[in-house]
Amino acid sequence: MSNIILIGMPASGKSTVGVILAKTLGVGFVDTDLIIQQREKRLLQDIINTDGIEKFLDCEAAAVKTLDCDNCVIATGGSVIFRSDAMEHLKKNGKIFYLDVPLPEIKKRLNNISTRGIAAKKGETVDDIFNERSTLYEKYADVILSLEGCRAEQTVEKICKHLK
C-alpha cells in the first residue's frame, strides 16, 4: 500500500482521523505540522507571526518534500495546497483524500484561528479561508469525501471503503 494523504481545512479532522485510520490499518502516521515544528524548533503560529505567511508556506513545503515514507497515513497542514511542488511530491507517493467538511461545521470547530497556526492574512475570516482553499483541495484530491455530520470513526469507515 502506498501512503494515504489527508488534506482539508483546519479543523476538518485530518490529524484525529489520521491517527484512528493508521491504527485501524496498522500503518504508520505522520503529521506534517509536527514535522514543521520539529524542523523549525518553533510553534506554527510563532513562524507565521515572526516570519510571515510566505516563509511559513515555504517551511511547510520543504518539510513535506522531505517525507520519505511508505505505508503511512499523512495528515497535512491546511495550507499545503498553496505550494504545487509539495502537492506533486505527495501525489507521487500516495492517494490524496480531501476531507470536505461544510463551512458551518468548520466554523463551529475552529474557535482559535489566531493561535492555531493557520496561514491566514490579517483580517481574513474563516469564510475567506474556506472560499480560497476549497477549489485547491478539490484540484489535488484523488478522492473527495463529503463529511457533513460525520464523526471521525465514520470518516475512517468512508476512507476504508475507498481503499478496497
Protein backbone atom coordinates (compact mmCIF):
# COMPACT_ATOMS: atom_id res chain seq x y z
CA MET A 1 0.00 0.00 0.00
CA SER A 2 1.25 3.48 -0.74
CA ASN A 3 0.54 6.40 1.55
CA ILE A 4 -2.87 7.83 2.38
CA ILE A 5 -2.69 11.62 2.41
CA LEU A 6 -5.34 13.72 4.13
CA ILE A 7 -5.95 17.31 3.03
CA GLY A 8 -8.61 19.80 4.04
CA MET A 9 -9.46 22.87 6.06
CA PRO A 10 -8.07 23.44 9.53
CA ALA A 11 -10.42 21.66 11.97
CA SER A 12 -11.62 19.22 9.29
CA GLY A 13 -10.22 16.36 11.38
CA LYS A 14 -7.09 15.41 9.42
CA SER A 15 -4.93 14.66 12.47
CA THR A 16 -7.68 12.98 14.50
CA VAL A 17 -8.89 10.88 11.59
CA GLY A 18 -5.30 10.15 10.59
CA VAL A 19 -4.40 8.61 13.94
CA ILE A 20 -7.54 6.46 14.02
CA LEU A 21 -7.09 5.42 10.38
CA ALA A 22 -3.45 4.46 10.95
CA LYS A 23 -4.43 2.34 13.96
CA THR A 24 -7.29 0.74 12.01
CA LEU A 25 -5.00 -0.17 9.10
CA GLY A 26 -1.95 -1.00 11.21
CA VAL A 27 0.27 1.51 9.41
CA GLY A 28 2.41 4.50 10.36
CA PHE A 29 1.13 8.01 11.00
CA VAL A 30 2.82 11.30 10.10
CA ASP A 31 1.56 14.80 10.91
CA THR A 32 3.35 17.37 8.75
CA ASP A 33 2.55 20.20 11.19
CA LEU A 34 4.62 18.39 13.82
CA ILE A 35 7.46 17.90 11.34
CA ILE A 36 7.48 21.64 10.64
CA GLN A 37 7.60 22.43 14.36
CA GLN A 38 10.43 19.95 14.94
CA ARG A 39 12.47 21.25 11.99
CA GLU A 40 11.94 24.91 12.89
CA LYS A 41 12.03 24.39 16.68
CA ARG A 42 9.05 26.75 16.98
CA LEU A 43 5.28 26.57 17.04
CA LEU A 44 3.46 27.11 13.75
CA GLN A 45 1.91 30.35 14.99
CA ASP A 46 5.36 31.65 16.01
CA ILE A 47 6.68 31.03 12.48
CA ILE A 48 3.70 32.86 10.96
CA ASN A 49 3.92 35.77 13.43
CA THR A 50 7.68 36.20 13.13
CA ASP A 51 8.48 35.29 9.53
CA GLY A 52 5.18 35.83 7.74
CA ILE A 53 2.87 33.59 5.76
CA GLU A 54 5.05 33.14 2.66
CA LYS A 55 8.01 31.95 4.76
CA PHE A 56 5.69 29.63 6.66
CA LEU A 57 4.36 28.17 3.39
CA ASP A 58 7.94 27.65 2.21
CA CYS A 59 8.78 25.86 5.50
CA GLU A 60 5.69 23.71 5.10
CA ALA A 61 6.60 22.76 1.52
CA ALA A 62 10.19 21.98 2.50
CA ALA A 63 9.02 19.73 5.34
CA VAL A 64 6.54 17.91 3.10
CA LYS A 65 9.16 17.36 0.40
CA THR A 66 11.43 15.62 2.95
CA LEU A 67 8.79 12.94 3.54
CA ASP A 68 10.13 9.59 2.51
CA CYS A 69 7.71 7.06 3.87
CA ASP A 70 5.56 4.24 2.63
CA ASN A 71 2.53 2.58 4.12
CA CYS A 72 1.64 5.64 6.20
CA VAL A 73 -1.27 7.93 6.81
CA ILE A 74 -0.11 11.52 6.35
CA ALA A 75 -2.09 14.40 7.88
CA THR A 76 -1.09 17.64 6.18
CA GLY A 77 -1.49 21.22 7.24
CA GLY A 78 -4.47 23.01 5.75
CA SER A 79 -2.26 25.33 3.69
CA VAL A 80 -0.14 22.64 1.98
CA ILE A 81 -2.19 23.16 -1.20
CA PHE A 82 -0.57 26.59 -1.75
CA ARG A 83 2.72 25.02 -2.87
CA SER A 84 2.36 22.89 -6.01
CA ASP A 85 5.79 21.28 -5.57
CA ALA A 86 4.74 19.93 -2.17
CA MET A 87 1.47 18.62 -3.60
CA GLU A 88 3.27 16.96 -6.52
CA HIS A 89 5.56 15.20 -4.02
CA LEU A 90 2.57 13.96 -2.03
CA LYS A 91 0.66 12.88 -5.16
CA LYS A 92 3.64 10.78 -6.33
CA ASN A 93 3.71 8.99 -3.01
CA GLY A 94 0.10 8.19 -2.27
CA LYS A 95 -3.60 8.72 -2.67
CA ILE A 96 -4.95 12.11 -1.62
CA PHE A 97 -8.25 12.30 0.28
CA TYR A 98 -9.93 15.68 0.72
CA LEU A 99 -11.89 15.78 3.97
CA ASP A 100 -14.65 18.09 2.77
CA VAL A 101 -16.37 19.39 5.89
CA PRO A 102 -19.03 22.08 5.31
CA LEU A 103 -18.19 25.65 6.30
CA PRO A 104 -20.73 25.87 9.17
CA GLU A 105 -19.15 22.79 10.82
CA ILE A 106 -15.64 24.20 10.34
CA LYS A 107 -16.74 27.46 11.97
CA LYS A 108 -18.15 25.57 14.97
CA ARG A 109 -14.93 23.62 15.43
CA LEU A 110 -12.46 26.41 14.69
CA ASN A 111 -12.53 28.78 17.63
CA ASN A 112 -8.82 29.53 17.92
CA ILE A 113 -8.00 30.91 14.47
CA SER A 114 -5.48 33.46 15.78
CA THR A 115 -3.41 30.98 17.80
CA ARG A 116 -3.79 27.69 15.93
CA GLY A 117 -1.07 28.27 13.34
CA ILE A 118 -3.32 28.89 10.37
CA ALA A 119 -1.74 30.58 7.36
CA ALA A 120 -4.21 33.44 7.05
CA LYS A 121 -3.71 37.05 6.09
CA LYS A 122 -4.53 39.70 8.66
CA GLY A 123 -8.28 40.26 8.80
CA GLU A 124 -9.11 37.11 6.84
CA THR A 125 -12.16 35.27 8.12
CA VAL A 126 -12.84 31.54 8.19
CA ASP A 127 -15.23 32.15 5.28
CA ASP A 128 -12.41 33.80 3.29
CA ILE A 129 -10.01 30.95 4.02
CA PHE A 130 -12.62 28.33 3.13
CA ASN A 131 -13.54 30.04 -0.13
CA GLU A 132 -9.93 30.49 -1.19
CA ARG A 133 -8.87 26.93 -0.43
CA SER A 134 -11.85 24.77 -1.45
CA THR A 135 -11.08 24.72 -5.17
CA LEU A 136 -7.43 23.87 -4.49
CA TYR A 137 -8.38 20.96 -2.24
CA GLU A 138 -10.66 19.67 -4.99
CA LYS A 139 -7.96 20.17 -7.63
CA TYR A 140 -5.41 18.00 -5.82
CA ALA A 141 -7.73 15.35 -4.38
CA ASP A 142 -7.92 11.83 -5.76
CA VAL A 143 -11.00 11.29 -3.58
CA ILE A 144 -13.34 13.96 -2.22
CA LEU A 145 -15.18 12.82 0.90
CA SER A 146 -18.31 14.78 1.76
CA LEU A 147 -18.32 14.71 5.56
CA GLU A 148 -21.34 16.67 6.69
CA GLY A 149 -22.23 15.50 10.19
CA CYS A 150 -19.62 12.72 10.18
CA ARG A 151 -17.68 11.77 13.30
CA ALA A 152 -14.04 10.71 13.00
CA GLU A 153 -14.91 6.99 13.06
CA GLN A 154 -17.42 7.43 10.23
CA THR A 155 -14.78 9.27 8.20
CA VAL A 156 -12.36 6.40 8.74
CA GLU A 157 -15.01 3.96 7.50
CA LYS A 158 -15.54 6.06 4.36
CA ILE A 159 -11.81 6.12 3.62
CA CYS A 160 -11.50 2.37 4.17
CA LYS A 161 -14.33 1.74 1.66
CA HIS A 162 -12.35 3.70 -0.96
CA LEU A 163 -9.24 1.63 -0.28
CA LYS A 164 -10.91 -1.71 -1.06
